[in-house]
């Protein structure tokens, strides 16, 4: 399965200069830190008691994905909270092609919140997304593409050799961005922000 929504002509490393303009830093727009957990309930309790983040927006997602060239479905339980200018994400793999997440967990089955990825948000139009994807460095291969709807584009690059983590790249339409902003709890200076 090829996801034409990522980019019609996407080949990693093909383009370095787009329209005569060098794209911005590949890590520009860094907005999220994400951990993988075998038990999201336990992790939510830890983040509440230890880090004083009492509320996360929670959702279970089930969507078509392409992971390392394999196509299928992926199921994840996701929890999100915004703390100052950073979004915290907790992910529990639930099935399907979730190995990209599940394989990061301790093999012995013990509980751990494992740092998995950071996320770069691409601002602007779909053309900006396509330009961002086309300008990804060849040293950062795309390992995951998710089809999460017409208003969202998402892919992961493998940057573990250089950064120690994967990098998620995401674009949302203004409507999708507003919808997320309306449900994800935010904390500034340790205090909840009404939304």
C-alpha atoms as a PDB file:
ATOM      1  CA  UNK A   1       0.000   0.000   0.000  1.00  0.00           C
ATOM      2  CA  UNK A   2       1.400   3.400  -0.980  1.00  0.00           C
ATOM      3  CA  UNK A   3       0.014   6.442   0.715  1.00  0.00           C
ATOM      4  CA  UNK A   4      -0.232   9.155  -1.905  1.00  0.00           C
ATOM      5  CA  UNK A   5      -1.169  11.607   0.805  1.00  0.00           C
ATOM      6  CA  UNK A   6       2.421  11.758   2.018  1.00  0.00           C
ATOM      7  CA  UNK A   7       3.761  13.076  -1.241  1.00  0.00           C
ATOM      8  CA  UNK A   8       3.012  12.086  -4.802  1.00  0.00           C
ATOM      9  CA  UNK A   9       6.686  11.968  -5.768  1.00  0.00           C
ATOM     10  CA  UNK A  10       8.359  11.202  -2.451  1.00  0.00           C
ATOM     11  CA  UNK A  11      11.779   9.616  -2.493  1.00  0.00           C
ATOM     12  CA  UNK A  12      13.973  10.318   0.570  1.00  0.00           C
ATOM     13  CA  UNK A  13      16.946  12.482  -0.255  1.00  0.00           C
ATOM     14  CA  UNK A  14      15.770  13.450  -3.750  1.00  0.00           C
ATOM     15  CA  UNK A  15      15.514  17.168  -3.150  1.00  0.00           C
ATOM     16  CA  UNK A  16      17.687  19.515  -1.141  1.00  0.00           C
ATOM     17  CA  UNK A  17      16.630  22.865  -2.600  1.00  0.00           C
ATOM     18  CA  UNK A  18      12.979  23.511  -3.383  1.00  0.00           C
ATOM     19  CA  UNK A  19      11.899  26.327  -5.635  1.00  0.00           C
ATOM     20  CA  UNK A  20      15.325  27.927  -5.291  1.00  0.00           C
ATOM     21  CA  UNK A  21      14.949  28.162  -1.486  1.00  0.00           C
ATOM     22  CA  UNK A  22      16.741  25.983   1.037  1.00  0.00           C
ATOM     23  CA  UNK A  23      14.171  24.508   3.486  1.00  0.00           C
ATOM     24  CA  UNK A  24      14.462  25.350   7.187  1.00  0.00           C
ATOM     25  CA  UNK A  25      16.072  23.077   9.770  1.00  0.00           C
ATOM     26  CA  UNK A  26      14.701  19.530   9.763  1.00  0.00           C
ATOM     27  CA  UNK A  27      14.083  19.838  13.518  1.00  0.00           C
ATOM     28  CA  UNK A  28      12.415  23.235  13.245  1.00  0.00           C
ATOM     29  CA  UNK A  29       8.919  23.089  14.709  1.00  0.00           C
ATOM     30  CA  UNK A  30       9.899  20.618  17.451  1.00  0.00           C
ATOM     31  CA  UNK A  31       6.788  20.389  19.624  1.00  0.00           C
ATOM     32  CA  UNK A  32       6.491  16.986  21.293  1.00  0.00           C
ATOM     33  CA  UNK A  33       8.288  14.360  23.368  1.00  0.00           C
ATOM     34  CA  UNK A  34       6.819  10.843  23.315  1.00  0.00           C
ATOM     35  CA  UNK A  35       7.264   7.751  25.442  1.00  0.00           C
ATOM     36  CA  UNK A  36       6.121   4.191  24.814  1.00  0.00           C
ATOM     37  CA  UNK A  37       4.657   2.226  27.699  1.00  0.00           C
ATOM     38  CA  UNK A  38       3.373  -1.326  28.196  1.00  0.00           C
ATOM     39  CA  UNK A  39       0.657  -0.018  30.574  1.00  0.00           C
ATOM     40  CA  UNK A  40      -0.751   3.440  29.913  1.00  0.00           C
ATOM     41  CA  UNK A  41      -2.796   3.423  33.132  1.00  0.00           C
ATOM     42  CA  UNK A  42       0.342   2.955  35.221  1.00  0.00           C
ATOM     43  CA  UNK A  43       2.182   5.608  33.195  1.00  0.00           C
ATOM     44  CA  UNK A  44      -0.654   8.130  33.609  1.00  0.00           C
ATOM     45  CA  UNK A  45      -0.539   7.562  37.371  1.00  0.00           C
ATOM     46  CA  UNK A  46       3.255   8.090  37.344  1.00  0.00           C
ATOM     47  CA  UNK A  47       2.973  11.311  35.335  1.00  0.00           C
ATOM     48  CA  UNK A  48       0.295  12.561  37.733  1.00  0.00           C
ATOM     49  CA  UNK A  49       2.082  11.665  40.976  1.00  0.00           C
ATOM     50  CA  UNK A  50       5.679  12.352  39.926  1.00  0.00           C
ATOM     51  CA  UNK A  51       5.402  15.143  37.352  1.00  0.00           C
ATOM     52  CA  UNK A  52       2.087  16.722  38.485  1.00  0.00           C
ATOM     53  CA  UNK A  53       0.349  16.320  35.123  1.00  0.00           C
ATOM     54  CA  UNK A  54      -3.066  15.162  36.342  1.00  0.00           C
ATOM     55  CA  UNK A  55      -4.983  15.024  33.090  1.00  0.00           C
ATOM     56  CA  UNK A  56      -4.253  13.794  29.583  1.00  0.00           C
ATOM     57  CA  UNK A  57      -6.521  13.591  26.559  1.00  0.00           C
ATOM     58  CA  UNK A  58      -6.867   9.899  25.753  1.00  0.00           C
ATOM     59  CA  UNK A  59      -7.813   8.154  22.541  1.00  0.00           C
ATOM     60  CA  UNK A  60      -7.544   4.744  20.977  1.00  0.00           C
ATOM     61  CA  UNK A  61      -6.568   4.910  17.340  1.00  0.00           C
ATOM     62  CA  UNK A  62      -6.844   2.209  14.696  1.00  0.00           C
ATOM     63  CA  UNK A  63      -5.614   3.202  11.243  1.00  0.00           C
ATOM     64  CA  UNK A  64      -3.925   1.954   8.058  1.00  0.00           C
ATOM     65  CA  UNK A  65      -0.151   2.174   8.208  1.00  0.00           C
ATOM     66  CA  UNK A  66       2.966   1.303   6.293  1.00  0.00           C
ATOM     67  CA  UNK A  67       5.852   0.262   8.538  1.00  0.00           C
ATOM     68  CA  UNK A  68       9.198  -0.690   7.049  1.00  0.00           C
ATOM     69  CA  UNK A  69       7.506  -1.550   3.763  1.00  0.00           C
ATOM     70  CA  UNK A  70       4.739  -3.674   5.322  1.00  0.00           C
ATOM     71  CA  UNK A  71       1.132  -2.504   5.020  1.00  0.00           C
ATOM     72  CA  UNK A  72      -1.650  -3.173   7.476  1.00  0.00           C
ATOM     73  CA  UNK A  73      -3.466  -1.734  10.473  1.00  0.00           C
ATOM     74  CA  UNK A  74      -1.980  -0.268  13.634  1.00  0.00           C
ATOM     75  CA  UNK A  75      -3.729   0.113  16.971  1.00  0.00           C
ATOM     76  CA  UNK A  76      -2.427   2.412  19.713  1.00  0.00           C
ATOM     77  CA  UNK A  77      -3.715   3.883  22.961  1.00  0.00           C
ATOM     78  CA  UNK A  78      -2.491   7.487  23.060  1.00  0.00           C
ATOM     79  CA  UNK A  79      -2.523  10.095  25.833  1.00  0.00           C
ATOM     80  CA  UNK A  80      -1.608  13.771  25.238  1.00  0.00           C
ATOM     81  CA  UNK A  81      -0.996  16.797  27.464  1.00  0.00           C
ATOM     82  CA  UNK A  82       0.582  20.177  26.717  1.00  0.00           C
ATOM     83  CA  UNK A  83       3.061  21.410  29.310  1.00  0.00           C
ATOM     84  CA  UNK A  84       4.246  24.956  28.683  1.00  0.00           C
ATOM     85  CA  UNK A  85       5.406  24.816  25.049  1.00  0.00           C
ATOM     86  CA  UNK A  86       5.864  21.047  24.785  1.00  0.00           C
ATOM     87  CA  UNK A  87       3.334  18.290  24.191  1.00  0.00           C
ATOM     88  CA  UNK A  88       3.844  15.086  26.169  1.00  0.00           C
ATOM     89  CA  UNK A  89       2.625  11.884  24.535  1.00  0.00           C
ATOM     90  CA  UNK A  90       2.283   8.430  26.054  1.00  0.00           C
ATOM     91  CA  UNK A  91       1.699   5.499  23.693  1.00  0.00           C
ATOM     92  CA  UNK A  92       0.676   1.949  24.505  1.00  0.00           C
ATOM     93  CA  UNK A  93       0.884  -0.385  21.499  1.00  0.00           C
ATOM     94  CA  UNK A  94      -2.302  -2.465  21.166  1.00  0.00           C
ATOM     95  CA  UNK A  95      -1.784  -4.560  18.048  1.00  0.00           C
ATOM     96  CA  UNK A  96      -1.366  -4.806  14.336  1.00  0.00           C
ATOM     97  CA  UNK A  97       1.792  -3.281  12.877  1.00  0.00           C
ATOM     98  CA  UNK A  98       2.796  -1.771  16.246  1.00  0.00           C
ATOM     99  CA  UNK A  99       6.321  -3.240  16.330  1.00  0.00           C
ATOM    100  CA  UNK A 100       7.886   0.184  15.818  1.00  0.00           C
ATOM    101  CA  UNK A 101       6.526   1.020  19.269  1.00  0.00           C
ATOM    102  CA  UNK A 102       6.321  -2.396  20.965  1.00  0.00           C
ATOM    103  CA  UNK A 103       9.930  -3.314  20.109  1.00  0.00           C
ATOM    104  CA  UNK A 104      11.183  -0.339  22.144  1.00  0.00           C
ATOM    105  CA  UNK A 105       9.747  -1.796  25.366  1.00  0.00           C
ATOM    106  CA  UNK A 106      11.842  -3.888  27.788  1.00  0.00           C
ATOM    107  CA  UNK A 107      11.979  -7.509  26.611  1.00  0.00           C
ATOM    108  CA  UNK A 108      11.545  -8.780  30.171  1.00  0.00           C
ATOM    109  CA  UNK A 109       8.039  -7.286  30.393  1.00  0.00           C
ATOM    110  CA  UNK A 110       8.779  -4.845  33.217  1.00  0.00           C
ATOM    111  CA  UNK A 111       7.071  -1.486  33.231  1.00  0.00           C
ATOM    112  CA  UNK A 112       9.031   1.410  31.736  1.00  0.00           C
ATOM    113  CA  UNK A 113       8.277   4.703  30.034  1.00  0.00           C
ATOM    114  CA  UNK A 114      10.718   4.481  27.138  1.00  0.00           C
ATOM    115  CA  UNK A 115      11.660   7.663  25.284  1.00  0.00           C
ATOM    116  CA  UNK A 116      10.634   6.884  21.718  1.00  0.00           C
ATOM    117  CA  UNK A 117      10.408   9.988  19.545  1.00  0.00           C
ATOM    118  CA  UNK A 118      10.195  13.725  19.250  1.00  0.00           C
ATOM    119  CA  UNK A 119       7.722  15.362  16.908  1.00  0.00           C
ATOM    120  CA  UNK A 120       8.198  18.131  14.372  1.00  0.00           C
ATOM    121  CA  UNK A 121       5.037  19.995  13.387  1.00  0.00           C
ATOM    122  CA  UNK A 122       5.005  21.275   9.824  1.00  0.00           C
ATOM    123  CA  UNK A 123       3.111  24.567   9.592  1.00  0.00           C
ATOM    124  CA  UNK A 124       1.343  25.868   6.509  1.00  0.00           C
ATOM    125  CA  UNK A 125      -0.299  24.189   3.552  1.00  0.00           C
ATOM    126  CA  UNK A 126      -0.129  20.718   2.056  1.00  0.00           C
ATOM    127  CA  UNK A 127       2.428  22.120  -0.379  1.00  0.00           C
ATOM    128  CA  UNK A 128       4.569  23.037   2.651  1.00  0.00           C
ATOM    129  CA  UNK A 129       4.175  19.454   3.883  1.00  0.00           C
ATOM    130  CA  UNK A 130       5.202  18.054   0.503  1.00  0.00           C
ATOM    131  CA  UNK A 131       8.241  20.360   0.456  1.00  0.00           C
ATOM    132  CA  UNK A 132       9.192  19.272   3.976  1.00  0.00           C
ATOM    133  CA  UNK A 133       8.928  15.588   3.065  1.00  0.00           C
ATOM    134  CA  UNK A 134      10.879  16.048  -0.166  1.00  0.00           C
ATOM    135  CA  UNK A 135      13.671  17.783   1.733  1.00  0.00           C
ATOM    136  CA  UNK A 136      14.142  15.068   4.375  1.00  0.00           C
ATOM    137  CA  UNK A 137      17.781  13.996   4.434  1.00  0.00           C
ATOM    138  CA  UNK A 138      18.694  10.599   3.005  1.00  0.00           C
ATOM    139  CA  UNK A 139      20.314   9.812   6.372  1.00  0.00           C
ATOM    140  CA  UNK A 140      16.821   9.874   7.927  1.00  0.00           C
ATOM    141  CA  UNK A 141      14.911   7.052   6.228  1.00  0.00           C
ATOM    142  CA  UNK A 142      11.117   7.031   6.452  1.00  0.00           C
ATOM    143  CA  UNK A 143      10.104   3.968   8.483  1.00  0.00           C
ATOM    144  CA  UNK A 144       6.429   4.625   9.159  1.00  0.00           C
ATOM    145  CA  UNK A 145       3.619   6.343   7.287  1.00  0.00           C
ATOM    146  CA  UNK A 146       0.172   6.543   8.869  1.00  0.00           C
ATOM    147  CA  UNK A 147      -3.092   7.246   7.106  1.00  0.00           C
ATOM    148  CA  UNK A 148      -4.927   9.034   9.904  1.00  0.00           C
ATOM    149  CA  UNK A 149      -7.365  11.053   7.819  1.00  0.00           C
ATOM    150  CA  UNK A 150      -7.571  13.705   5.142  1.00  0.00           C
ATOM    151  CA  UNK A 151      -6.757  16.566   7.533  1.00  0.00           C
ATOM    152  CA  UNK A 152      -3.560  15.027   8.921  1.00  0.00           C
ATOM    153  CA  UNK A 153      -0.276  13.778   7.470  1.00  0.00           C
ATOM    154  CA  UNK A 154       2.173  11.786   9.568  1.00  0.00           C
ATOM    155  CA  UNK A 155       5.400   9.896   9.041  1.00  0.00           C
ATOM    156  CA  UNK A 156       8.365   8.846  11.146  1.00  0.00           C
ATOM    157  CA  UNK A 157      12.030   8.956  10.235  1.00  0.00           C
ATOM    158  CA  UNK A 158      14.677   6.818  11.889  1.00  0.00           C
ATOM    159  CA  UNK A 159      17.123   9.228  13.488  1.00  0.00           C
ATOM    160  CA  UNK A 160      18.250   6.921  16.291  1.00  0.00           C
ATOM    161  CA  UNK A 161      21.877   6.831  15.069  1.00  0.00           C
ATOM    162  CA  UNK A 162      22.154  10.608  15.440  1.00  0.00           C
ATOM    163  CA  UNK A 163      19.493  11.639  17.981  1.00  0.00           C
ATOM    164  CA  UNK A 164      18.798   8.423  19.878  1.00  0.00           C
ATOM    165  CA  UNK A 165      15.098   8.569  18.903  1.00  0.00           C
ATOM    166  CA  UNK A 166      12.743   8.489  15.949  1.00  0.00           C
ATOM    167  CA  UNK A 167      11.385  11.779  14.629  1.00  0.00           C
ATOM    168  CA  UNK A 168       7.678  12.098  13.923  1.00  0.00           C
ATOM    169  CA  UNK A 169       6.730  14.622  11.252  1.00  0.00           C
ATOM    170  CA  UNK A 170       3.131  15.844  11.331  1.00  0.00           C
ATOM    171  CA  UNK A 171       0.946  18.306   9.473  1.00  0.00           C
ATOM    172  CA  UNK A 172      -2.626  19.174  10.433  1.00  0.00           C
ATOM    173  CA  UNK A 173      -5.177  21.309   8.637  1.00  0.00           C
ATOM    174  CA  UNK A 174      -6.358  24.378  10.572  1.00  0.00           C
ATOM    175  CA  UNK A 175      -9.590  22.518  11.441  1.00  0.00           C
ATOM    176  CA  UNK A 176      -7.703  19.461  12.749  1.00  0.00           C
ATOM    177  CA  UNK A 177      -5.302  21.695  14.682  1.00  0.00           C
ATOM    178  CA  UNK A 178      -8.231  23.547  16.306  1.00  0.00           C
ATOM    179  CA  UNK A 179      -9.948  20.272  17.166  1.00  0.00           C
ATOM    180  CA  UNK A 180      -6.834  18.964  18.927  1.00  0.00           C
ATOM    181  CA  UNK A 181      -6.284  22.260  20.750  1.00  0.00           C
ATOM    182  CA  UNK A 182      -9.846  22.082  22.075  1.00  0.00           C
ATOM    183  CA  UNK A 183      -9.425  18.669  23.736  1.00  0.00           C
ATOM    184  CA  UNK A 184      -5.785  18.305  24.840  1.00  0.00           C
ATOM    185  CA  UNK A 185      -5.318  19.684  28.375  1.00  0.00           C
ATOM    186  CA  UNK A 186      -2.709  22.433  28.716  1.00  0.00           C
ATOM    187  CA  UNK A 187      -0.624  23.486  31.705  1.00  0.00           C
ATOM    188  CA  UNK A 188       1.406  26.687  31.834  1.00  0.00           C
ATOM    189  CA  UNK A 189       3.644  27.322  34.801  1.00  0.00           C
ATOM    190  CA  UNK A 190       2.171  24.241  36.448  1.00  0.00           C
ATOM    191  CA  UNK A 191      -1.404  25.533  36.280  1.00  0.00           C
ATOM    192  CA  UNK A 192      -4.173  24.196  34.065  1.00  0.00           C
ATOM    193  CA  UNK A 193      -5.301  26.428  31.231  1.00  0.00           C
ATOM    194  CA  UNK A 194      -8.992  26.511  30.397  1.00  0.00           C
ATOM    195  CA  UNK A 195      -9.796  25.599  26.813  1.00  0.00           C
END
